[in-house]
C-alpha atoms as a PDB file:
ATOM      1  CA  MET A   1      21.982   1.130  -8.161  1.00  0.00           C
ATOM      2  CA  ALA A   2      22.058   3.621  -5.295  1.00  0.00           C
ATOM      3  CA  GLY A   3      18.457   2.797  -4.374  1.00  0.00           C
ATOM      4  CA  ARG A   4      19.166  -0.927  -4.370  1.00  0.00           C
ATOM      5  CA  GLN A   5      22.227  -0.415  -2.164  1.00  0.00           C
ATOM      6  CA  ARG A   6      20.180   1.612   0.332  1.00  0.00           C
ATOM      7  CA  THR A   7      17.529  -1.111   0.358  1.00  0.00           C
ATOM      8  CA  VAL A   8      20.091  -3.850   1.060  1.00  0.00           C
ATOM      9  CA  GLU A   9      21.780  -1.829   3.802  1.00  0.00           C
ATOM     10  CA  ALA A  10      18.470  -1.124   5.531  1.00  0.00           C
ATOM     11  CA  MET A  11      17.530  -4.802   5.326  1.00  0.00           C
ATOM     12  CA  GLU A  12      20.831  -5.965   6.816  1.00  0.00           C
ATOM     13  CA  LEU A  13      20.408  -3.629   9.776  1.00  0.00           C
ATOM     14  CA  LYS A  14      17.016  -5.111  10.730  1.00  0.00           C
ATOM     15  CA  ARG A  15      17.472  -8.750   9.780  1.00  0.00           C
ATOM     16  CA  GLY A  16      17.807  -9.752  13.434  1.00  0.00           C
ATOM     17  CA  PHE A  17      14.334  -8.433  14.239  1.00  0.00           C
ATOM     18  CA  TRP A  18      12.617 -10.305  11.410  1.00  0.00           C
ATOM     19  CA  LEU A  19      14.602 -13.546  11.408  1.00  0.00           C
ATOM     20  CA  ASP A  20      12.120 -16.419  11.958  1.00  0.00           C
ATOM     21  CA  ARG A  21       9.440 -13.970  13.139  1.00  0.00           C
ATOM     22  CA  PRO A  22       5.914 -15.364  12.475  1.00  0.00           C
ATOM     23  CA  THR A  23       4.401 -12.565  10.392  1.00  0.00           C
ATOM     24  CA  PHE A  24       0.867 -12.456   9.030  1.00  0.00           C
ATOM     25  CA  VAL A  25       0.272 -10.417   5.860  1.00  0.00           C
ATOM     26  CA  THR A  26      -3.173  -9.720   4.455  1.00  0.00           C
ATOM     27  CA  GLY A  27      -3.399  -8.481   0.876  1.00  0.00           C
ATOM     28  CA  GLY A  28      -0.176 -10.230  -0.107  1.00  0.00           C
ATOM     29  CA  THR A  29      -1.189 -10.590  -3.753  1.00  0.00           C
ATOM     30  CA  GLY A  30      -1.790  -6.848  -4.085  1.00  0.00           C
ATOM     31  CA  LEU A  31       0.575  -4.175  -5.329  1.00  0.00           C
ATOM     32  CA  VAL A  32       2.241  -3.293  -2.027  1.00  0.00           C
ATOM     33  CA  GLY A  33       1.692  -6.713  -0.480  1.00  0.00           C
ATOM     34  CA  SER A  34       3.819  -8.524  -3.058  1.00  0.00           C
ATOM     35  CA  TRP A  35       6.778  -6.206  -2.479  1.00  0.00           C
ATOM     36  CA  LEU A  36       6.300  -6.410   1.284  1.00  0.00           C
ATOM     37  CA  VAL A  37       6.349 -10.213   1.203  1.00  0.00           C
ATOM     38  CA  ARG A  38       9.542 -10.115  -0.867  1.00  0.00           C
ATOM     39  CA  ARG A  39      11.253  -7.871   1.703  1.00  0.00           C
ATOM     40  CA  LEU A  40      10.052 -10.020   4.601  1.00  0.00           C
ATOM     41  CA  ILE A  41      11.373 -13.182   2.947  1.00  0.00           C
ATOM     42  CA  GLU A  42      14.730 -11.489   2.310  1.00  0.00           C
ATOM     43  CA  ALA A  43      14.819 -10.532   6.002  1.00  0.00           C
ATOM     44  CA  GLY A  44      14.213 -14.144   7.045  1.00  0.00           C
ATOM     45  CA  ALA A  45      10.676 -13.761   8.381  1.00  0.00           C
ATOM     46  CA  ASP A  46       8.309 -16.732   8.654  1.00  0.00           C
ATOM     47  CA  VAL A  47       5.530 -15.302   6.478  1.00  0.00           C
ATOM     48  CA  VAL A  48       1.881 -16.387   6.470  1.00  0.00           C
ATOM     49  CA  CYS A  49      -0.358 -14.839   3.787  1.00  0.00           C
ATOM     50  CA  LEU A  50      -4.131 -14.687   3.665  1.00  0.00           C
ATOM     51  CA  VAL A  51      -5.134 -15.088  -0.003  1.00  0.00           C
ATOM     52  CA  ARG A  52      -8.684 -14.732  -1.299  1.00  0.00           C
ATOM     53  CA  ASP A  53      -8.300 -14.772  -5.094  1.00  0.00           C
ATOM     54  CA  TRP A  54      -5.736 -16.574  -7.225  1.00  0.00           C
ATOM     55  CA  VAL A  55      -4.189 -13.937  -9.502  1.00  0.00           C
ATOM     56  CA  PRO A  56      -1.528 -15.629 -11.669  1.00  0.00           C
ATOM     57  CA  GLN A  57      -0.211 -12.306 -13.009  1.00  0.00           C
ATOM     58  CA  SER A  58       0.423 -10.920  -9.514  1.00  0.00           C
ATOM     59  CA  GLU A  59       4.030 -10.413  -8.499  1.00  0.00           C
ATOM     60  CA  LEU A  60       3.582 -12.834  -5.591  1.00  0.00           C
ATOM     61  CA  VAL A  61       2.590 -15.679  -7.931  1.00  0.00           C
ATOM     62  CA  ARG A  62       4.597 -15.012 -11.097  1.00  0.00           C
ATOM     63  CA  THR A  63       7.915 -14.717  -9.216  1.00  0.00           C
ATOM     64  CA  ASN A  64       7.231 -17.872  -7.164  1.00  0.00           C
ATOM     65  CA  LEU A  65       7.235 -15.928  -3.899  1.00  0.00           C
ATOM     66  CA  MET A  66       3.980 -17.714  -3.077  1.00  0.00           C
ATOM     67  CA  GLU A  67       5.933 -20.959  -2.833  1.00  0.00           C
ATOM     68  CA  GLN A  68       8.147 -19.486  -0.108  1.00  0.00           C
ATOM     69  CA  VAL A  69       5.354 -18.556   2.313  1.00  0.00           C
ATOM     70  CA  LYS A  70       2.551 -20.306   4.154  1.00  0.00           C
ATOM     71  CA  VAL A  71      -0.772 -19.617   2.424  1.00  0.00           C
ATOM     72  CA  VAL A  72      -4.176 -19.554   4.105  1.00  0.00           C
ATOM     73  CA  ARG A  73      -7.072 -19.416   1.625  1.00  0.00           C
ATOM     74  CA  GLY A  74      -9.855 -17.182   2.869  1.00  0.00           C
ATOM     75  CA  ASP A  75     -11.447 -13.755   3.063  1.00  0.00           C
ATOM     76  CA  ILE A  76     -10.523 -10.994   5.505  1.00  0.00           C
ATOM     77  CA  ARG A  77     -14.234 -10.752   6.387  1.00  0.00           C
ATOM     78  CA  GLU A  78     -14.154 -14.325   7.799  1.00  0.00           C
ATOM     79  CA  ARG A  79     -13.217 -13.760  11.441  1.00  0.00           C
ATOM     80  CA  GLU A  80     -12.974 -17.459  12.299  1.00  0.00           C
ATOM     81  CA  THR A  81     -10.413 -17.987   9.517  1.00  0.00           C
ATOM     82  CA  VAL A  82      -8.331 -15.009  10.625  1.00  0.00           C
ATOM     83  CA  GLU A  83      -8.474 -15.975  14.301  1.00  0.00           C
ATOM     84  CA  ARG A  84      -7.539 -19.579  13.520  1.00  0.00           C
ATOM     85  CA  THR A  85      -4.558 -18.397  11.474  1.00  0.00           C
ATOM     86  CA  LEU A  86      -3.248 -16.115  14.199  1.00  0.00           C
ATOM     87  CA  GLY A  87      -3.517 -18.880  16.782  1.00  0.00           C
ATOM     88  CA  GLU A  88      -2.274 -21.892  14.837  1.00  0.00           C
ATOM     89  CA  TYR A  89       0.735 -20.078  13.351  1.00  0.00           C
ATOM     90  CA  GLU A  90       1.489 -18.239  16.638  1.00  0.00           C
ATOM     91  CA  ILE A  91       1.715 -14.916  14.835  1.00  0.00           C
ATOM     92  CA  ASP A  92       3.853 -12.171  16.394  1.00  0.00           C
ATOM     93  CA  THR A  93       3.444  -9.380  13.848  1.00  0.00           C
ATOM     94  CA  VAL A  94       0.440  -8.512  11.665  1.00  0.00           C
ATOM     95  CA  ILE A  95       0.580  -6.211   8.632  1.00  0.00           C
ATOM     96  CA  HIS A  96      -2.905  -5.588   7.266  1.00  0.00           C
ATOM     97  CA  LEU A  97      -3.040  -4.482   3.623  1.00  0.00           C
ATOM     98  CA  ALA A  98      -6.118  -6.337   2.333  1.00  0.00           C
ATOM     99  CA  ALA A  99      -8.519  -3.828   0.811  1.00  0.00           C
ATOM    100  CA  GLN A 100     -10.572  -2.897  -2.206  1.00  0.00           C
ATOM    101  CA  THR A 101      -8.284  -0.120  -3.444  1.00  0.00           C
ATOM    102  CA  ILE A 102      -9.850   1.203  -6.655  1.00  0.00           C
ATOM    103  CA  VAL A 103     -11.831   4.441  -6.369  1.00  0.00           C
ATOM    104  CA  THR A 104     -13.929   3.824  -9.517  1.00  0.00           C
ATOM    105  CA  ILE A 105     -14.959   0.373  -8.240  1.00  0.00           C
ATOM    106  CA  ALA A 106     -15.921   1.900  -4.891  1.00  0.00           C
ATOM    107  CA  ASN A 107     -18.115   4.420  -6.696  1.00  0.00           C
ATOM    108  CA  ARG A 108     -19.855   1.681  -8.705  1.00  0.00           C
ATOM    109  CA  ASN A 109     -20.066  -0.929  -5.956  1.00  0.00           C
ATOM    110  CA  PRO A 110     -19.730   0.708  -2.530  1.00  0.00           C
ATOM    111  CA  LEU A 111     -20.969  -2.274  -0.503  1.00  0.00           C
ATOM    112  CA  SER A 112     -18.084  -4.563  -1.466  1.00  0.00           C
ATOM    113  CA  THR A 113     -15.675  -1.746  -0.606  1.00  0.00           C
ATOM    114  CA  PHE A 114     -17.303  -1.101   2.772  1.00  0.00           C
ATOM    115  CA  GLU A 115     -17.431  -4.811   3.602  1.00  0.00           C
ATOM    116  CA  THR A 116     -13.780  -5.433   2.751  1.00  0.00           C
ATOM    117  CA  ASN A 117     -12.227  -2.206   3.979  1.00  0.00           C
ATOM    118  CA  ILE A 118     -14.310  -1.573   7.096  1.00  0.00           C
ATOM    119  CA  ALA A 119     -15.692  -4.951   8.216  1.00  0.00           C
ATOM    120  CA  GLY A 120     -12.447  -6.617   7.143  1.00  0.00           C
ATOM    121  CA  THR A 121     -10.481  -4.290   9.423  1.00  0.00           C
ATOM    122  CA  TRP A 122     -12.663  -4.843  12.474  1.00  0.00           C
ATOM    123  CA  ASN A 123     -12.610  -8.609  11.889  1.00  0.00           C
ATOM    124  CA  LEU A 124      -8.823  -8.548  11.831  1.00  0.00           C
ATOM    125  CA  LEU A 125      -8.524  -6.363  14.916  1.00  0.00           C
ATOM    126  CA  GLU A 126     -11.068  -8.383  16.893  1.00  0.00           C
ATOM    127  CA  SER A 127      -9.163 -11.547  15.968  1.00  0.00           C
ATOM    128  CA  CYS A 128      -5.935  -9.928  17.170  1.00  0.00           C
ATOM    129  CA  ARG A 129      -7.622  -8.900  20.422  1.00  0.00           C
ATOM    130  CA  ARG A 130      -8.458 -12.563  21.042  1.00  0.00           C
ATOM    131  CA  SER A 131      -4.938 -13.771  20.118  1.00  0.00           C
ATOM    132  CA  PRO A 132      -2.396 -13.228  22.925  1.00  0.00           C
ATOM    133  CA  SER A 133       0.633 -14.058  20.744  1.00  0.00           C
ATOM    134  CA  VAL A 134       0.163 -10.934  18.577  1.00  0.00           C
ATOM    135  CA  LYS A 135       2.642  -8.216  19.604  1.00  0.00           C
ATOM    136  CA  GLN A 136       2.524  -5.641  16.776  1.00  0.00           C
ATOM    137  CA  ILE A 137      -0.181  -4.706  14.274  1.00  0.00           C
ATOM    138  CA  VAL A 138       0.310  -2.304  11.384  1.00  0.00           C
ATOM    139  CA  ILE A 139      -2.871  -1.154   9.654  1.00  0.00           C
ATOM    140  CA  ALA A 140      -2.591   0.375   6.178  1.00  0.00           C
ATOM    141  CA  SER A 141      -4.873   3.377   5.939  1.00  0.00           C
ATOM    142  CA  SER A 142      -4.435   5.988   3.206  1.00  0.00           C
ATOM    143  CA  ASP A 143      -4.146   9.695   2.487  1.00  0.00           C
ATOM    144  CA  LYS A 144      -7.740   9.326   1.227  1.00  0.00           C
ATOM    145  CA  ALA A 145      -8.854   8.924   4.864  1.00  0.00           C
ATOM    146  CA  TYR A 146      -8.401  12.690   5.294  1.00  0.00           C
ATOM    147  CA  GLY A 147     -10.955  13.467   2.612  1.00  0.00           C
ATOM    148  CA  ASP A 148     -10.975  16.846   0.882  1.00  0.00           C
ATOM    149  CA  GLN A 149      -9.245  19.540   2.967  1.00  0.00           C
ATOM    150  CA  GLU A 150      -8.714  23.264   2.493  1.00  0.00           C
ATOM    151  CA  THR A 151      -5.434  23.247   4.439  1.00  0.00           C
ATOM    152  CA  LEU A 152      -2.574  21.288   2.879  1.00  0.00           C
ATOM    153  CA  PRO A 153      -0.409  19.339   3.314  1.00  0.00           C
ATOM    154  CA  TYR A 154      -2.247  16.843   5.478  1.00  0.00           C
ATOM    155  CA  ASN A 155      -0.572  16.119   8.799  1.00  0.00           C
ATOM    156  CA  GLU A 156      -1.593  13.464  11.303  1.00  0.00           C
ATOM    157  CA  ASN A 157      -3.795  15.937  13.194  1.00  0.00           C
ATOM    158  CA  THR A 158      -5.875  16.696  10.114  1.00  0.00           C
ATOM    159  CA  PRO A 159      -9.440  15.408  10.720  1.00  0.00           C
ATOM    160  CA  LEU A 160     -10.493  12.196   9.000  1.00  0.00           C
ATOM    161  CA  GLN A 161     -13.494  13.248   6.935  1.00  0.00           C
ATOM    162  CA  GLY A 162     -13.892  11.162   3.808  1.00  0.00           C
ATOM    163  CA  ARG A 163     -17.136  11.809   1.912  1.00  0.00           C
ATOM    164  CA  HIS A 164     -17.080   9.491  -1.103  1.00  0.00           C
ATOM    165  CA  PRO A 165     -17.248   5.680  -0.779  1.00  0.00           C
ATOM    166  CA  TYR A 166     -13.545   4.799  -0.957  1.00  0.00           C
ATOM    167  CA  ASP A 167     -12.483   7.738   1.203  1.00  0.00           C
ATOM    168  CA  VAL A 168     -15.138   6.943   3.820  1.00  0.00           C
ATOM    169  CA  SER A 169     -14.036   3.294   3.936  1.00  0.00           C
ATOM    170  CA  LYS A 170     -10.482   4.380   4.794  1.00  0.00           C
ATOM    171  CA  SER A 171     -11.602   7.009   7.325  1.00  0.00           C
ATOM    172  CA  ALA A 172     -13.776   4.451   9.099  1.00  0.00           C
ATOM    173  CA  ALA A 173     -11.139   1.697   9.143  1.00  0.00           C
ATOM    174  CA  ASP A 174      -8.557   4.173  10.430  1.00  0.00           C
ATOM    175  CA  LEU A 175     -10.840   5.260  13.290  1.00  0.00           C
ATOM    176  CA  ILE A 176     -11.662   1.654  14.160  1.00  0.00           C
ATOM    177  CA  ALA A 177      -7.940   0.869  14.422  1.00  0.00           C
ATOM    178  CA  ASN A 178      -7.506   3.774  16.812  1.00  0.00           C
ATOM    179  CA  THR A 179     -10.488   2.528  18.847  1.00  0.00           C
ATOM    180  CA  TYR A 180      -8.849  -0.872  19.393  1.00  0.00           C
ATOM    181  CA  ALA A 181      -5.651   0.816  20.571  1.00  0.00           C
ATOM    182  CA  ALA A 182      -7.424   3.268  22.889  1.00  0.00           C
ATOM    183  CA  SER A 183     -10.161   1.008  24.274  1.00  0.00           C
ATOM    184  CA  PHE A 184      -8.495  -2.420  24.302  1.00  0.00           C
ATOM    185  CA  ASP A 185      -4.790  -1.500  24.547  1.00  0.00           C
ATOM    186  CA  LEU A 186      -4.109  -3.340  21.302  1.00  0.00           C
ATOM    187  CA  PRO A 187      -0.588  -2.653  19.898  1.00  0.00           C
ATOM    188  CA  VAL A 188      -1.821  -1.036  16.665  1.00  0.00           C
ATOM    189  CA  ALA A 189      -0.132   1.640  14.557  1.00  0.00           C
ATOM    190  CA  ILE A 190      -1.502   3.157  11.360  1.00  0.00           C
ATOM    191  CA  THR A 191       0.107   4.169   8.077  1.00  0.00           C
ATOM    192  CA  ARG A 192      -1.252   6.819   5.719  1.00  0.00           C
ATOM    193  CA  CYS A 193       0.612   6.817   2.416  1.00  0.00           C
ATOM    194  CA  GLY A 194       0.355   8.730  -0.826  1.00  0.00           C
ATOM    195  CA  ASN A 195      -0.689   7.244  -4.176  1.00  0.00           C
ATOM    196  CA  PHE A 196       1.263   4.023  -4.613  1.00  0.00           C
ATOM    197  CA  TYR A 197       2.882   3.172  -7.907  1.00  0.00           C
ATOM    198  CA  GLY A 198       5.351   0.516  -8.997  1.00  0.00           C
ATOM    199  CA  GLY A 199       5.790  -2.738 -10.844  1.00  0.00           C
ATOM    200  CA  GLY A 200       3.061  -5.277 -10.233  1.00  0.00           C
ATOM    201  CA  ASP A 201       0.082  -2.929 -10.372  1.00  0.00           C
ATOM    202  CA  LEU A 202      -2.309  -4.654 -12.786  1.00  0.00           C
ATOM    203  CA  ASN A 203      -5.142  -2.164 -12.320  1.00  0.00           C
ATOM    204  CA  TRP A 204      -4.853  -0.592 -15.754  1.00  0.00           C
ATOM    205  CA  ASN A 205      -7.329   2.169 -14.938  1.00  0.00           C
ATOM    206  CA  ARG A 206      -4.682   3.662 -12.659  1.00  0.00           C
ATOM    207  CA  ILE A 207      -2.757   6.393 -14.386  1.00  0.00           C
ATOM    208  CA  ILE A 208       0.817   5.077 -14.142  1.00  0.00           C
ATOM    209  CA  PRO A 209       0.393   1.428 -15.222  1.00  0.00           C
ATOM    210  CA  GLY A 210      -2.247   2.429 -17.777  1.00  0.00           C
ATOM    211  CA  THR A 211       0.034   5.067 -19.288  1.00  0.00           C
ATOM    212  CA  ILE A 212       3.041   2.746 -19.480  1.00  0.00           C
ATOM    213  CA  ARG A 213       0.975  -0.022 -21.099  1.00  0.00           C
ATOM    214  CA  SER A 214      -0.438   2.382 -23.675  1.00  0.00           C
ATOM    215  CA  ILE A 215       3.015   3.670 -24.608  1.00  0.00           C
ATOM    216  CA  LEU A 216       4.435   0.153 -24.906  1.00  0.00           C
ATOM    217  CA  ARG A 217       1.541  -0.654 -27.271  1.00  0.00           C
ATOM    218  CA  GLY A 218       2.019   2.526 -29.295  1.00  0.00           C
ATOM    219  CA  GLN A 219      -1.323   3.951 -28.150  1.00  0.00           C
ATOM    220  CA  ASN A 220      -2.058   7.435 -26.827  1.00  0.00           C
ATOM    221  CA  PRO A 221      -2.327   7.367 -23.014  1.00  0.00           C
ATOM    222  CA  ILE A 222      -5.814   8.006 -21.633  1.00  0.00           C
ATOM    223  CA  ILE A 223      -6.413  10.529 -18.853  1.00  0.00           C
ATOM    224  CA  ARG A 224      -9.904   9.962 -17.460  1.00  0.00           C
ATOM    225  CA  SER A 225      -9.941  13.204 -15.453  1.00  0.00           C
ATOM    226  CA  ASP A 226      -9.218  16.720 -16.703  1.00  0.00           C
ATOM    227  CA  GLY A 227      -5.561  16.051 -15.909  1.00  0.00           C
ATOM    228  CA  LYS A 228      -5.359  18.705 -13.194  1.00  0.00           C
ATOM    229  CA  TYR A 229      -5.921  16.502 -10.146  1.00  0.00           C
ATOM    230  CA  ILE A 230      -2.883  16.727  -7.853  1.00  0.00           C
ATOM    231  CA  ARG A 231      -1.462  13.651  -6.140  1.00  0.00           C
ATOM    232  CA  ASP A 232       1.453  12.677  -3.930  1.00  0.00           C
ATOM    233  CA  TYR A 233       3.041   9.671  -5.685  1.00  0.00           C
ATOM    234  CA  PHE A 234       4.864   7.135  -3.493  1.00  0.00           C
ATOM    235  CA  TYR A 235       6.971   4.227  -4.771  1.00  0.00           C
ATOM    236  CA  VAL A 236       5.801   0.775  -3.733  1.00  0.00           C
ATOM    237  CA  GLU A 237       9.145  -0.439  -2.320  1.00  0.00           C
ATOM    238  CA  ASP A 238       9.193   2.617  -0.063  1.00  0.00           C
ATOM    239  CA  GLY A 239       5.753   1.617   1.181  1.00  0.00           C
ATOM    240  CA  ALA A 240       6.876  -1.923   1.963  1.00  0.00           C
ATOM    241  CA  ALA A 241       9.928  -0.615   3.822  1.00  0.00           C
ATOM    242  CA  ALA A 242       7.786   1.861   5.782  1.00  0.00           C
ATOM    243  CA  TYR A 243       5.392  -0.856   6.992  1.00  0.00           C
ATOM    244  CA  MET A 244       8.299  -2.947   8.238  1.00  0.00           C
ATOM    245  CA  LEU A 245       9.960   0.019   9.921  1.00  0.00           C
ATOM    246  CA  LEU A 246       6.764   0.917  11.759  1.00  0.00           C
ATOM    247  CA  ALA A 247       6.403  -2.656  13.055  1.00  0.00           C
ATOM    248  CA  GLU A 248      10.016  -2.549  14.285  1.00  0.00           C
ATOM    249  CA  LYS A 249       9.514   0.798  16.021  1.00  0.00           C
ATOM    250  CA  LEU A 250       6.255  -0.374  17.594  1.00  0.00           C
ATOM    251  CA  ALA A 251       8.162  -3.304  19.125  1.00  0.00           C
ATOM    252  CA  GLU A 252      10.834  -0.958  20.498  1.00  0.00           C
ATOM    253  CA  HIS A 253       8.385   1.721  21.650  1.00  0.00           C
ATOM    254  CA  PRO A 254       5.007   0.292  22.752  1.00  0.00           C
ATOM    255  CA  GLU A 255       3.853   3.837  23.508  1.00  0.00           C
ATOM    256  CA  LEU A 256       3.423   4.295  19.744  1.00  0.00           C
ATOM    257  CA  LYS A 257       0.216   2.238  19.847  1.00  0.00           C
ATOM    258  CA  GLY A 258      -2.668   4.198  18.394  1.00  0.00           C
ATOM    259  CA  GLU A 259      -0.340   6.542  16.514  1.00  0.00           C
ATOM    260  CA  ALA A 260      -0.722   7.248  12.808  1.00  0.00           C
ATOM    261  CA  PHE A 261       2.116   8.186  10.470  1.00  0.00           C
ATOM    262  CA  ASN A 262       2.118   9.763   7.020  1.00  0.00           C
ATOM    263  CA  PHE A 263       4.678   8.364   4.576  1.00  0.00           C
ATOM    264  CA  SER A 264       5.322  10.440   1.499  1.00  0.00           C
ATOM    265  CA  ASN A 265       7.881  12.006  -0.812  1.00  0.00           C
ATOM    266  CA  GLU A 266       6.000  15.240  -0.093  1.00  0.00           C
ATOM    267  CA  ILE A 267       5.562  16.102  -3.765  1.00  0.00           C
ATOM    268  CA  GLN A 268       2.656  17.629  -5.674  1.00  0.00           C
ATOM    269  CA  VAL A 269       2.238  16.340  -9.213  1.00  0.00           C
ATOM    270  CA  THR A 270      -0.739  16.757 -11.535  1.00  0.00           C
ATOM    271  CA  VAL A 271      -2.001  13.817 -13.564  1.00  0.00           C
ATOM    272  CA  CYS A 272      -0.894  15.559 -16.772  1.00  0.00           C
ATOM    273  CA  GLU A 273       2.571  16.109 -15.336  1.00  0.00           C
ATOM    274  CA  ILE A 274       3.029  12.456 -14.336  1.00  0.00           C
ATOM    275  CA  VAL A 275       1.934  11.326 -17.818  1.00  0.00           C
ATOM    276  CA  GLU A 276       4.311  13.780 -19.520  1.00  0.00           C
ATOM    277  CA  HIS A 277       7.086  12.620 -17.197  1.00  0.00           C
ATOM    278  CA  ILE A 278       6.550   8.978 -18.196  1.00  0.00           C
ATOM    279  CA  LEU A 279       6.415   9.927 -21.894  1.00  0.00           C
ATOM    280  CA  ARG A 280       9.809  11.654 -21.546  1.00  0.00           C
ATOM    281  CA  LEU A 281      11.387   8.748 -19.656  1.00  0.00           C
ATOM    282  CA  MET A 282      10.158   6.350 -22.362  1.00  0.00           C
ATOM    283  CA  ASN A 283      11.255   8.655 -25.209  1.00  0.00           C
ATOM    284  CA  SER A 284       7.725   8.708 -26.623  1.00  0.00           C
ATOM    285  CA  ASP A 285       6.098  11.452 -28.694  1.00  0.00           C
ATOM    286  CA  LEU A 286       2.560  10.107 -28.142  1.00  0.00           C
ATOM    287  CA  LYS A 287      -0.046  12.596 -26.889  1.00  0.00           C
ATOM    288  CA  PRO A 288      -2.417  11.919 -23.979  1.00  0.00           C
ATOM    289  CA  GLU A 289      -6.160  11.797 -24.601  1.00  0.00           C
ATOM    290  CA  ILE A 290      -7.965  13.791 -21.901  1.00  0.00           C
ATOM    291  CA  ARG A 291     -11.531  12.519 -21.358  1.00  0.00           C
ATOM    292  CA  ASN A 292     -12.605  14.497 -18.265  1.00  0.00           C
ATOM    293  CA  GLU A 293     -14.906  11.711 -16.989  1.00  0.00           C
ATOM    294  CA  THR A 294     -13.827  11.511 -13.338  1.00  0.00           C
ATOM    295  CA  ALA A 295     -16.327  11.940 -10.484  1.00  0.00           C
ATOM    296  CA  ASN A 296     -16.236  11.615  -6.682  1.00  0.00           C
ATOM    297  CA  GLU A 297     -12.484  12.084  -6.357  1.00  0.00           C
ATOM    298  CA  ILE A 298     -10.474  14.472  -4.198  1.00  0.00           C
ATOM    299  CA  ARG A 299      -9.031  17.340  -6.229  1.00  0.00           C
ATOM    300  CA  HIS A 300      -5.781  18.121  -4.413  1.00  0.00           C
ATOM    301  CA  GLN A 301      -3.832  15.919  -2.017  1.00  0.00           C
ATOM    302  CA  TYR A 302      -0.384  15.784  -0.540  1.00  0.00           C
ATOM    303  CA  LEU A 303       1.080  14.741   2.788  1.00  0.00           C
ATOM    304  CA  SER A 304       3.556  15.996   5.338  1.00  0.00           C
ATOM    305  CA  ALA A 305       5.901  13.210   6.493  1.00  0.00           C
ATOM    306  CA  GLU A 306       7.546  15.384   9.169  1.00  0.00           C
ATOM    307  CA  LYS A 307       6.274  13.191  12.019  1.00  0.00           C
ATOM    308  CA  ALA A 308       7.686   9.994  10.468  1.00  0.00           C
ATOM    309  CA  ARG A 309      11.058  11.672   9.959  1.00  0.00           C
ATOM    310  CA  ARG A 310      11.140  13.006  13.506  1.00  0.00           C
ATOM    311  CA  VAL A 311       9.690  10.082  15.486  1.00  0.00           C
ATOM    312  CA  LEU A 312      10.736   7.082  13.367  1.00  0.00           C
ATOM    313  CA  ASN A 313      13.895   8.497  11.758  1.00  0.00           C
ATOM    314  CA  TRP A 314      12.317   7.534   8.439  1.00  0.00           C
ATOM    315  CA  HIS A 315      13.288   8.752   4.978  1.00  0.00           C
ATOM    316  CA  PRO A 316      12.251   7.574   1.500  1.00  0.00           C
ATOM    317  CA  LEU A 317      14.630   5.257  -0.329  1.00  0.00           C
ATOM    318  CA  PHE A 318      13.513   6.332  -3.821  1.00  0.00           C
ATOM    319  CA  GLN A 319      12.745   9.659  -5.462  1.00  0.00           C
ATOM    320  CA  LEU A 320      10.127   9.974  -8.219  1.00  0.00           C
ATOM    321  CA  ASP A 321      12.488   9.616 -11.202  1.00  0.00           C
ATOM    322  CA  GLU A 322      14.186   6.569  -9.721  1.00  0.00           C
ATOM    323  CA  GLY A 323      10.889   4.906  -8.868  1.00  0.00           C
ATOM    324  CA  LEU A 324       9.394   5.597 -12.295  1.00  0.00           C
ATOM    325  CA  LYS A 325      12.441   4.183 -14.088  1.00  0.00           C
ATOM    326  CA  LYS A 326      12.230   0.983 -12.033  1.00  0.00           C
ATOM    327  CA  THR A 327       8.487   0.810 -12.704  1.00  0.00           C
ATOM    328  CA  ILE A 328       8.895   1.225 -16.475  1.00  0.00           C
ATOM    329  CA  GLU A 329      11.602  -1.445 -16.469  1.00  0.00           C
ATOM    330  CA  TRP A 330       9.256  -3.839 -14.627  1.00  0.00           C
ATOM    331  CA  TYR A 331       6.454  -3.386 -17.179  1.00  0.00           C
ATOM    332  CA  ARG A 332       8.792  -3.772 -20.153  1.00  0.00           C
ATOM    333  CA  LYS A 333       9.880  -7.148 -18.783  1.00  0.00           C
ATOM    334  CA  PHE A 334       6.304  -8.104 -17.859  1.00  0.00           C
ATOM    335  CA  PHE A 335       5.014  -7.567 -21.396  1.00  0.00           C
ATOM    336  CA  ASP A 336       8.130  -9.144 -22.948  1.00  0.00           C
ATOM    337  CA  ASP A 337       7.534 -12.256 -20.846  1.00  0.00           C
ATOM    338  CA  GLU A 338       3.840 -12.312 -21.812  1.00  0.00           C
ATOM    339  CA  HIS A 339       4.753 -12.037 -25.499  1.00  0.00           C
ATOM    340  CA  LYS A 340       7.253 -14.891 -25.221  1.00  0.00           C
ATOM    341  CA  SER A 341       4.711 -17.178 -23.573  1.00  0.00           C
END
């Protein structure tokens, strides 16, 4: 209840900024995109979504949010489609989330990841450069852009040095965004967030949705790594709120163009710990099955969000327990609804 109240209060404060604002969202059918679109609609924005694939189970479709936005069918790699959209809908604010986000897919099929994450980003930015109506652009990078580092936590001055396919795709896209700010004065700011989790994630190979689904089915959760990888888990509604806040601040302070910001709860949790935490919250005595099959993944990651707190006056709306409880509740309802249909 407290989290919901904070969310509503924050939304009321900024409704004037978003009311009727033409806002272009890429990746709207994804995990974070669906929650972002919901928040934008609640704030009164005039939302335009670029949609490549029709995913009926996505939060954007199953909750009928898709019917409340303008939809352009196309691929982020199609510059003419993106440029046409920005011009015809007179877009003010762009929030770019479209990406191939699964590390295992990137390892198996790096070209599709590079094409979407890198070429897709430069297509978007070049389209924005040619579109004079665009006033703010928020590019979603990732903590993976930093690659594997000896010094933790990552701060925004940590070098971008991804080595494996997914990490490299985020490093490259991040650098390209900075190039457009520095070389072409484009009003771009960059987010680097921890590992997103929350209702609506249908990538069952990810540890949190996969674990919850297994428990609901009475099956032992599967841990594909050795369980000792450390991650910085970040609730999806916090991510959506952070993207909107950064766009608002970029409008107020144009000197933020080219800046990157980490958003994080600044926690360090092993894979085994997050699974055990979910088992406790769901009152389950199932035991995880540790397969130790993971390759080409960063061992230890967590972020410092000091810059976002200091410069943007940002703070997370949800702590880990609160976010996990909301996530478990979402999946219980999701599978109940599936069973009923």
